[in-house]
Amino acid sequence: MTTDDKNQINRRAFLKLSALSSLAPTVLADQGNSNRKDGVKKYARLGRTNLKISDISFGSSQLKTGQEQLVHHANSKGVNYFDTADSYTQGDSELVLGNALKKYRHQIIIATKMKAGSRTSQKEMMRSLDQSLTRLQTDHVEILFNHAVNNKSRLKNEEWFTFTEKAKRLGKIRFTGISGHSGNLIECVDYALDNDLVDVLLLSYNFGQDPAFYEQFVRSFDWVAVQPEMKRIITKAKQKDIGTIGMKVLRGQN
């Protein structure tokens, strides 16, 4: 077996591990090369944030207590973007990332999420952020997402903007965005882009965006809404230099 063959096997093994562990958000952006023989191959500029993030990122929706070694493995393969949320595994996801990444904090990028509703107060948002920072053992995150947005009313809550402006002044967050994968996602993203409300988008993007392809396998149910206009949205975001990350790229629920 040649060295190239071994490298290909190592990369496939890491991608398999990524799929099983929700380690598969993908950067939809211009990319630069890495010299690594396995693991991460490229780093991408994330729109106007100018953050450079790995082509394979760490999604931690299923991360549980005691799985710090999994995080270390991803980091050793060049992964520098770690995605979590206050609700993932009832807060354990943030705790594990905090334990595993504190020694690498200056080298990595952390994104977390909260569900800020149409009537959530800035006080509630700040409390949620502070709790996330405590669990993550850091004084800031690079990106804070409003999580699972599926209604434009959540994007019209002035409390969110007051909160994020204050959090930026205090150095607790650098950039903001929205995440989503449900039925009203396109109209929400259109609204956010038209009104310049986000720095980053985290969007469901995968082979299942072609309804004909997906429906031949699963005709009676769906976990993640099909978004046939997603290519248009991604193009629009790129034109505005908004960083875009694809999630659920293997068409999974997580």
Foldseek 3Di string as FASTA:
>chain_A
DDPLVVLVVQQVVVVVVCVVQQFAKAWPADWDADPDSHAFGTWGQQFPLRDTFTRTEGEHLAPAPPVLVVVVVNVVRPGAEYEEECPRVVNRSLLSQLVNCVVVVVRHAYEYEDAQALPRALVNVVVSLVVSCVSNVHQAHAEYENEADQDLSSVVRVRVVVNVVVCVVVVHYNFYYYEHFADRVVVNLVVCLVVVPGQEYEYADEPCLPVVVVCVPPVDDALTDRDVCVVVSVVSCVVVRRGYIHGCHVRDND
